[in-house]
Amino acid sequence: MPELIKPTTSLHAAWLAARDDWGRGVYQDGAGLRPGDEVDDPAGFATWVQGLLRQEDPAVPPAAGWVHCSYRWIAEGGDVLGSIALRHELNDNLLEAGGHIGYGVRPAARRRGLASWALGEMLGEAHRLGLERVLVVCREANTASARTIERHGGQLEDVRDTEAGRMKRYWIALPR
């Protein structure tokens, strides 16, 4: 049974295996990995994990141009299967092409419903944060992600060209 967990250094080897399944240097939606992050050695990985956890803390101001964000790993039996991120608010860039929630499932774990399950869990977290609706976006060609968003009530607002490519933008209303 999968679970959403906060990033932890105890899963360093499992996280590296997931990263290598994606491919080194490949962008992973929802992971919070940025160019220059050193994750291969334990010390660098620990620094990166602590940075992810700090981004969730409302007492710590976010870096310029960033917003508070809750990162979770989709984990099962000691394996990291994917990541999901909940941005607590939208800035101009997120409103255009990033949205409140981004997620990714490693190639070897796809087609199991993990993205849909994780999105449902994070919608609950968004509700607990007091959000009334969330923006979730996906590339226009990513039909699997579009179906996942639509299954959770996503209403297509538009499709637009962005710096990140052609994106479908969906709003999901949360229970009051």
Protein backbone atom coordinates (compact mmCIF):
# COMPACT_ATOMS: atom_id res chain seq x y z
CA MET A 1 0.00 0.00 0.00
CA PRO A 2 1.56 3.34 -1.00
CA GLU A 3 1.85 6.27 1.36
CA LEU A 4 2.78 9.92 1.08
CA ILE A 5 5.74 10.74 3.27
CA LYS A 6 7.81 13.82 3.92
CA PRO A 7 11.24 13.71 2.30
CA THR A 8 13.70 11.84 4.49
CA THR A 9 17.40 11.05 4.37
CA SER A 10 16.61 7.45 5.36
CA LEU A 11 15.50 6.77 1.76
CA HIS A 12 18.62 8.13 0.06
CA ALA A 13 19.41 4.93 -1.86
CA ALA A 14 15.74 4.45 -2.81
CA TRP A 15 15.47 8.06 -3.98
CA LEU A 16 18.61 7.67 -6.11
CA ALA A 17 17.15 4.51 -7.67
CA ALA A 18 13.99 6.45 -8.55
CA ARG A 19 16.04 9.33 -9.96
CA ASP A 20 18.07 6.91 -12.08
CA ASP A 21 14.83 5.34 -13.37
CA TRP A 22 13.88 8.81 -14.66
CA GLY A 23 17.43 9.36 -15.90
CA ARG A 24 20.08 11.67 -14.49
CA GLY A 25 19.39 15.28 -15.32
CA VAL A 26 15.76 14.61 -16.32
CA TYR A 27 13.23 17.03 -14.81
CA GLN A 28 10.90 15.35 -12.32
CA ASP A 29 7.61 17.14 -11.68
CA GLY A 30 6.93 17.55 -7.98
CA ALA A 31 10.41 16.57 -6.79
CA GLY A 32 11.83 20.01 -6.01
CA LEU A 33 15.16 19.09 -7.58
CA ARG A 34 16.91 22.10 -9.08
CA PRO A 35 20.02 22.39 -11.22
CA GLY A 36 23.04 22.40 -8.96
CA ASP A 37 21.44 20.36 -6.16
CA GLU A 38 23.97 17.73 -5.05
CA VAL A 39 22.05 14.61 -4.13
CA ASP A 40 24.48 11.76 -4.82
CA ASP A 41 26.53 12.00 -1.64
CA PRO A 42 24.81 11.67 1.76
CA ALA A 43 25.76 15.17 2.97
CA GLY A 44 24.45 16.87 -0.17
CA PHE A 45 21.29 14.77 -0.08
CA ALA A 46 20.71 15.72 3.57
CA THR A 47 21.12 19.41 2.70
CA TRP A 48 18.65 19.07 -0.17
CA VAL A 49 16.07 17.21 1.97
CA GLN A 50 16.35 19.85 4.73
CA GLY A 51 15.78 22.54 2.12
CA LEU A 52 12.62 20.80 0.91
CA LEU A 53 11.30 20.55 4.46
CA ARG A 54 12.11 24.23 5.18
CA GLN A 55 10.03 25.31 2.19
CA GLU A 56 6.93 24.02 3.99
CA ASP A 57 7.60 25.97 7.20
CA PRO A 58 5.50 29.18 7.27
CA ALA A 59 7.98 30.69 9.76
CA VAL A 60 10.76 30.55 7.13
CA PRO A 61 10.35 33.14 4.37
CA PRO A 62 10.57 31.58 0.90
CA ALA A 63 13.41 32.51 -1.43
CA ALA A 64 12.75 35.42 -3.77
CA GLY A 65 10.37 34.34 -6.53
CA TRP A 66 9.30 31.18 -4.68
CA VAL A 67 6.34 30.28 -2.46
CA HIS A 68 5.91 27.94 0.49
CA CYS A 69 5.61 24.36 -0.72
CA SER A 70 4.88 20.95 0.83
CA TYR A 71 6.81 18.10 -0.79
CA ARG A 72 5.80 14.47 -0.39
CA TRP A 73 7.27 11.29 -1.76
CA ILE A 74 5.07 8.45 -2.95
CA ALA A 75 6.63 5.52 -1.14
CA GLU A 76 5.89 1.84 -0.81
CA GLY A 77 7.87 -0.94 0.84
CA GLY A 78 11.01 1.16 1.10
CA ASP A 79 10.85 2.30 -2.54
CA VAL A 80 10.32 5.84 -3.77
CA LEU A 81 7.77 5.70 -6.58
CA GLY A 82 7.28 9.40 -7.25
CA SER A 83 6.90 12.88 -5.83
CA ILE A 84 4.16 15.45 -5.42
CA ALA A 85 4.39 19.10 -4.42
CA LEU A 86 1.69 21.43 -3.10
CA ARG A 87 2.47 25.11 -3.49
CA HIS A 88 0.62 27.05 -0.82
CA GLU A 89 -0.12 30.01 -3.10
CA LEU A 90 0.42 31.13 -6.67
CA ASN A 91 2.87 33.70 -7.98
CA ASP A 92 2.75 34.93 -11.58
CA ASN A 93 4.86 32.05 -12.91
CA LEU A 94 2.83 29.39 -11.11
CA LEU A 95 -0.42 30.97 -12.25
CA GLU A 96 0.78 30.84 -15.83
CA ALA A 97 2.38 27.40 -16.05
CA GLY A 98 3.08 25.69 -12.73
CA GLY A 99 -0.10 25.54 -10.68
CA HIS A 100 -0.56 24.64 -7.04
CA ILE A 101 0.23 20.95 -7.47
CA GLY A 102 2.87 19.18 -9.52
CA TYR A 103 3.51 15.45 -9.50
CA GLY A 104 5.50 12.77 -11.21
CA VAL A 105 5.67 8.98 -11.01
CA ARG A 106 8.89 7.18 -11.94
CA PRO A 107 8.64 5.24 -15.22
CA ALA A 108 8.77 1.78 -13.61
CA ALA A 109 5.80 2.58 -11.34
CA ARG A 110 3.40 4.11 -13.85
CA ARG A 111 -0.02 2.79 -14.86
CA ARG A 112 -0.88 1.78 -11.27
CA GLY A 113 -3.07 4.76 -10.40
CA LEU A 114 -0.41 6.28 -8.13
CA ALA A 115 -0.67 9.79 -9.58
CA SER A 116 -4.44 9.82 -9.13
CA TRP A 117 -4.17 8.51 -5.57
CA ALA A 118 -1.44 11.03 -4.65
CA LEU A 119 -3.35 13.94 -6.20
CA GLY A 120 -6.41 13.01 -4.15
CA GLU A 121 -4.33 12.96 -0.98
CA MET A 122 -2.78 16.35 -1.73
CA LEU A 123 -6.17 17.88 -2.49
CA GLY A 124 -7.06 17.01 1.10
CA GLU A 125 -3.91 18.75 2.28
CA ALA A 126 -4.76 21.81 0.16
CA HIS A 127 -8.19 21.90 1.81
CA ARG A 128 -6.57 21.72 5.27
CA LEU A 129 -4.39 24.70 4.29
CA GLY A 130 -7.56 26.65 3.61
CA LEU A 131 -7.42 26.74 -0.18
CA GLU A 132 -10.83 26.90 -1.86
CA ARG A 133 -9.59 25.76 -5.26
CA VAL A 134 -6.31 24.69 -6.80
CA LEU A 135 -4.76 25.08 -10.21
CA VAL A 136 -3.24 21.91 -11.68
CA VAL A 137 -1.54 22.05 -15.07
CA CYS A 138 -0.11 19.53 -17.48
CA ARG A 139 1.49 19.57 -20.89
CA GLU A 140 -1.11 19.48 -23.64
CA ALA A 141 0.24 16.15 -24.95
CA ASN A 142 0.16 14.45 -21.51
CA THR A 143 -3.23 12.75 -21.83
CA ALA A 144 -2.63 10.51 -18.79
CA SER A 145 -2.12 13.51 -16.53
CA ALA A 146 -5.11 15.31 -18.05
CA ARG A 147 -7.30 12.28 -17.25
CA THR A 148 -5.94 12.18 -13.70
CA ILE A 149 -6.80 15.83 -13.15
CA GLU A 150 -10.25 15.45 -14.72
CA ARG A 151 -11.00 12.42 -12.49
CA HIS A 152 -10.57 14.74 -9.52
CA GLY A 153 -13.01 17.30 -10.88
CA GLY A 154 -10.56 19.43 -12.82
CA GLN A 155 -12.34 21.96 -15.03
CA LEU A 156 -10.30 23.03 -18.04
CA GLU A 157 -9.87 26.81 -18.05
CA ASP A 158 -7.68 27.03 -21.13
CA VAL A 159 -4.71 25.76 -23.09
CA ARG A 160 -1.89 28.24 -23.49
CA ASP A 161 1.64 28.57 -24.74
CA THR A 162 4.07 29.19 -21.87
CA GLU A 163 7.81 29.21 -21.34
CA ALA A 164 7.39 25.58 -20.23
CA GLY A 165 5.52 24.62 -23.43
CA ARG A 166 1.85 24.29 -24.35
CA MET A 167 -0.05 23.72 -21.11
CA LYS A 168 -3.58 22.71 -20.15
CA ARG A 169 -4.76 24.60 -17.06
CA TYR A 170 -7.38 23.04 -14.81
CA TRP A 171 -9.06 24.35 -11.66
CA ILE A 172 -10.28 21.92 -9.01
CA ALA A 173 -12.81 23.23 -6.47
CA LEU A 174 -12.23 21.95 -2.93
CA PRO A 175 -14.99 21.12 -0.44
CA ARG A 176 -15.99 23.92 1.86
